[in-house]
Amino acid sequence: MERSFNPFIYGNERNVYGAMLTLPNSGGTVEEITKVYSGFKTDKVSLALEGLVAKGIVVSQESVYMVAESPNR
């Protein structure tokens, strides 16, 4: 998936979103996403994922988070 600028995500959400794009299938569990960068903390990743899910940028399915497909791609 191509990484593009999204003005609706910033801060930890942007960092987590970028990390998710580096993982296979553009997502994974909170633990997998936390391991991408040594500076990530599990609670901050969880909070950022909640924000991304609320904005519809990420979808959650049984504790696995995936980047949502853009309808215009």
N, C-alpha and C. Protein backbone atom coordinates (compact mmCIF):
# COMPACT_ATOMS: atom_id res chain seq x y z
N MET A 1 0.85 -1.18 0.00
CA MET A 1 0.00 0.00 0.00
C MET A 1 0.89 1.23 0.00
N GLU A 2 0.52 2.21 -0.78
CA GLU A 2 1.30 3.43 -0.90
C GLU A 2 1.05 4.35 0.28
N ARG A 3 2.11 4.91 0.81
CA ARG A 3 1.99 5.84 1.93
C ARG A 3 1.68 7.23 1.38
N SER A 4 0.63 7.84 1.90
CA SER A 4 0.26 9.17 1.42
C SER A 4 -0.06 10.07 2.61
N PHE A 5 -0.04 11.37 2.37
CA PHE A 5 -0.32 12.34 3.42
C PHE A 5 -1.81 12.37 3.74
N ASN A 6 -2.15 12.31 5.00
CA ASN A 6 -3.53 12.40 5.44
C ASN A 6 -3.59 13.50 6.50
N PRO A 7 -4.27 14.62 6.21
CA PRO A 7 -4.28 15.74 7.16
C PRO A 7 -5.06 15.47 8.44
N PHE A 8 -5.79 14.36 8.50
CA PHE A 8 -6.61 14.07 9.67
C PHE A 8 -5.88 13.25 10.72
N ILE A 9 -4.66 12.82 10.44
CA ILE A 9 -3.90 12.08 11.44
C ILE A 9 -2.59 12.81 11.72
N TYR A 10 -2.21 12.84 12.99
CA TYR A 10 -1.00 13.55 13.40
C TYR A 10 -0.51 12.95 14.71
N GLY A 11 0.69 13.30 15.11
CA GLY A 11 1.26 12.83 16.37
C GLY A 11 1.44 11.32 16.39
N ASN A 12 1.04 10.70 17.50
CA ASN A 12 1.20 9.26 17.65
C ASN A 12 0.40 8.49 16.60
N GLU A 13 -0.76 9.02 16.22
CA GLU A 13 -1.56 8.33 15.20
C GLU A 13 -0.77 8.23 13.89
N ARG A 14 -0.11 9.31 13.50
CA ARG A 14 0.68 9.29 12.26
C ARG A 14 1.84 8.29 12.38
N ASN A 15 2.50 8.25 13.52
CA ASN A 15 3.61 7.31 13.72
C ASN A 15 3.12 5.86 13.67
N VAL A 16 2.01 5.58 14.31
CA VAL A 16 1.46 4.22 14.32
C VAL A 16 0.99 3.84 12.92
N TYR A 17 0.35 4.76 12.22
CA TYR A 17 -0.11 4.51 10.85
C TYR A 17 1.09 4.18 9.95
N GLY A 18 2.15 4.95 10.06
CA GLY A 18 3.36 4.69 9.28
C GLY A 18 3.97 3.34 9.61
N ALA A 19 3.97 2.99 10.89
CA ALA A 19 4.50 1.69 11.31
C ALA A 19 3.66 0.56 10.75
N MET A 20 2.35 0.74 10.73
CA MET A 20 1.47 -0.30 10.21
C MET A 20 1.74 -0.56 8.73
N LEU A 21 2.06 0.48 7.99
CA LEU A 21 2.32 0.32 6.56
C LEU A 21 3.60 -0.47 6.29
N THR A 22 4.50 -0.54 7.28
CA THR A 22 5.73 -1.31 7.10
C THR A 22 5.55 -2.79 7.40
N LEU A 23 4.44 -3.14 8.06
CA LEU A 23 4.19 -4.53 8.43
C LEU A 23 3.55 -5.29 7.27
N PRO A 24 3.73 -6.62 7.24
CA PRO A 24 3.05 -7.42 6.22
C PRO A 24 1.54 -7.22 6.32
N ASN A 25 0.88 -7.11 5.21
CA ASN A 25 -0.57 -6.89 5.13
C ASN A 25 -1.00 -5.58 5.77
N SER A 26 -0.09 -4.66 5.97
CA SER A 26 -0.38 -3.32 6.52
C SER A 26 -1.13 -3.36 7.84
N GLY A 27 -0.68 -4.21 8.75
CA GLY A 27 -1.31 -4.24 10.06
C GLY A 27 -0.84 -5.40 10.91
N GLY A 28 -1.47 -5.53 12.07
CA GLY A 28 -1.13 -6.60 12.99
C GLY A 28 -1.72 -6.31 14.36
N THR A 29 -1.25 -7.03 15.36
CA THR A 29 -1.73 -6.83 16.72
C THR A 29 -1.03 -5.63 17.34
N VAL A 30 -1.52 -5.20 18.48
CA VAL A 30 -0.91 -4.08 19.19
C VAL A 30 0.56 -4.40 19.50
N GLU A 31 0.84 -5.63 19.90
CA GLU A 31 2.20 -6.02 20.24
C GLU A 31 3.12 -5.95 19.02
N GLU A 32 2.63 -6.41 17.86
CA GLU A 32 3.44 -6.37 16.64
C GLU A 32 3.74 -4.93 16.22
N ILE A 33 2.74 -4.08 16.32
CA ILE A 33 2.91 -2.67 15.95
C ILE A 33 3.86 -1.99 16.92
N THR A 34 3.77 -2.33 18.21
CA THR A 34 4.64 -1.73 19.23
C THR A 34 6.10 -2.08 18.98
N LYS A 35 6.37 -3.26 18.45
CA LYS A 35 7.75 -3.72 18.22
C LYS A 35 8.43 -3.03 17.03
N VAL A 36 7.68 -2.32 16.20
CA VAL A 36 8.26 -1.70 15.00
C VAL A 36 9.33 -0.68 15.38
N TYR A 37 9.04 0.17 16.35
CA TYR A 37 10.00 1.19 16.80
C TYR A 37 10.22 1.05 18.29
N SER A 38 11.46 1.18 18.72
CA SER A 38 11.77 1.00 20.14
C SER A 38 11.12 2.06 21.02
N GLY A 39 10.77 3.22 20.46
CA GLY A 39 10.16 4.29 21.25
C GLY A 39 8.68 4.11 21.51
N PHE A 40 8.05 3.14 20.85
CA PHE A 40 6.61 2.92 21.04
C PHE A 40 6.33 2.28 22.39
N LYS A 41 5.27 2.72 23.03
CA LYS A 41 4.78 2.11 24.26
C LYS A 41 3.40 1.53 23.95
N THR A 42 3.10 0.37 24.53
CA THR A 42 1.87 -0.34 24.22
C THR A 42 0.63 0.51 24.46
N ASP A 43 0.57 1.24 25.58
CA ASP A 43 -0.62 2.03 25.88
C ASP A 43 -0.80 3.17 24.88
N LYS A 44 0.29 3.78 24.43
CA LYS A 44 0.21 4.87 23.45
C LYS A 44 -0.24 4.33 22.09
N VAL A 45 0.26 3.15 21.72
CA VAL A 45 -0.14 2.53 20.46
C VAL A 45 -1.63 2.19 20.50
N SER A 46 -2.10 1.64 21.61
CA SER A 46 -3.52 1.30 21.76
C SER A 46 -4.39 2.53 21.62
N LEU A 47 -4.00 3.61 22.26
CA LEU A 47 -4.76 4.86 22.20
C LEU A 47 -4.77 5.42 20.78
N ALA A 48 -3.63 5.40 20.12
CA ALA A 48 -3.55 5.89 18.74
C ALA A 48 -4.42 5.03 17.81
N LEU A 49 -4.41 3.72 18.02
CA LEU A 49 -5.24 2.83 17.20
C LEU A 49 -6.72 3.11 17.40
N GLU A 50 -7.13 3.39 18.63
CA GLU A 50 -8.53 3.74 18.89
C GLU A 50 -8.92 4.98 18.09
N GLY A 51 -8.04 5.98 18.06
CA GLY A 51 -8.31 7.19 17.28
C GLY A 51 -8.39 6.91 15.80
N LEU A 52 -7.49 6.07 15.29
CA LEU A 52 -7.51 5.73 13.86
C LEU A 52 -8.75 4.92 13.49
N VAL A 53 -9.18 4.04 14.38
CA VAL A 53 -10.41 3.27 14.14
C VAL A 53 -11.61 4.20 14.13
N ALA A 54 -11.66 5.14 15.08
CA ALA A 54 -12.77 6.09 15.15
C ALA A 54 -12.86 6.95 13.89
N LYS A 55 -11.72 7.23 13.27
CA LYS A 55 -11.69 8.05 12.05
C LYS A 55 -11.92 7.21 10.79
N GLY A 56 -11.99 5.89 10.94
CA GLY A 56 -12.22 5.02 9.79
C GLY A 56 -10.98 4.75 8.95
N ILE A 57 -9.82 5.10 9.46
CA ILE A 57 -8.57 4.91 8.71
C ILE A 57 -8.04 3.49 8.92
N VAL A 58 -8.36 2.92 10.07
CA VAL A 58 -7.93 1.57 10.43
C VAL A 58 -9.17 0.78 10.83
N VAL A 59 -9.18 -0.51 10.47
CA VAL A 59 -10.27 -1.39 10.89
C VAL A 59 -9.73 -2.40 11.89
N SER A 60 -10.58 -2.79 12.83
CA SER A 60 -10.20 -3.73 13.87
C SER A 60 -11.04 -4.98 13.75
N GLN A 61 -10.37 -6.13 13.87
CA GLN A 61 -11.08 -7.40 13.82
C GLN A 61 -10.40 -8.36 14.78
N GLU A 62 -11.05 -8.62 15.89
CA GLU A 62 -10.53 -9.54 16.91
C GLU A 62 -9.09 -9.22 17.31
N SER A 63 -8.84 -8.04 17.75
CA SER A 63 -7.55 -7.52 18.23
C SER A 63 -6.46 -7.45 17.16
N VAL A 64 -6.84 -7.55 15.90
CA VAL A 64 -5.91 -7.34 14.79
C VAL A 64 -6.35 -6.08 14.07
N TYR A 65 -5.41 -5.17 13.87
CA TYR A 65 -5.71 -3.89 13.25
C TYR A 65 -5.10 -3.84 11.86
N MET A 66 -5.90 -3.41 10.87
CA MET A 66 -5.45 -3.32 9.49
C MET A 66 -5.79 -1.94 8.94
N VAL A 67 -4.93 -1.42 8.07
CA VAL A 67 -5.20 -0.15 7.40
C VAL A 67 -6.38 -0.37 6.47
N ALA A 68 -7.39 0.49 6.57
CA ALA A 68 -8.58 0.37 5.74
C ALA A 68 -8.24 0.75 4.31
N GLU A 69 -8.88 0.07 3.37
CA GLU A 69 -8.69 0.40 1.96
C GLU A 69 -9.42 1.69 1.65
N SER A 70 -8.77 2.56 0.94
CA SER A 70 -9.38 3.82 0.53
C SER A 70 -10.37 3.55 -0.60
N PRO A 71 -11.58 4.11 -0.53
CA PRO A 71 -12.58 3.84 -1.57
C PRO A 71 -12.20 4.42 -2.93
N ASN A 72 -11.29 5.39 -2.97
CA ASN A 72 -10.94 6.00 -4.25
C ASN A 72 -9.64 5.45 -4.83
N ARG A 73 -9.21 4.27 -4.42
CA ARG A 73 -8.00 3.65 -4.99
C ARG A 73 -8.38 2.47 -5.83
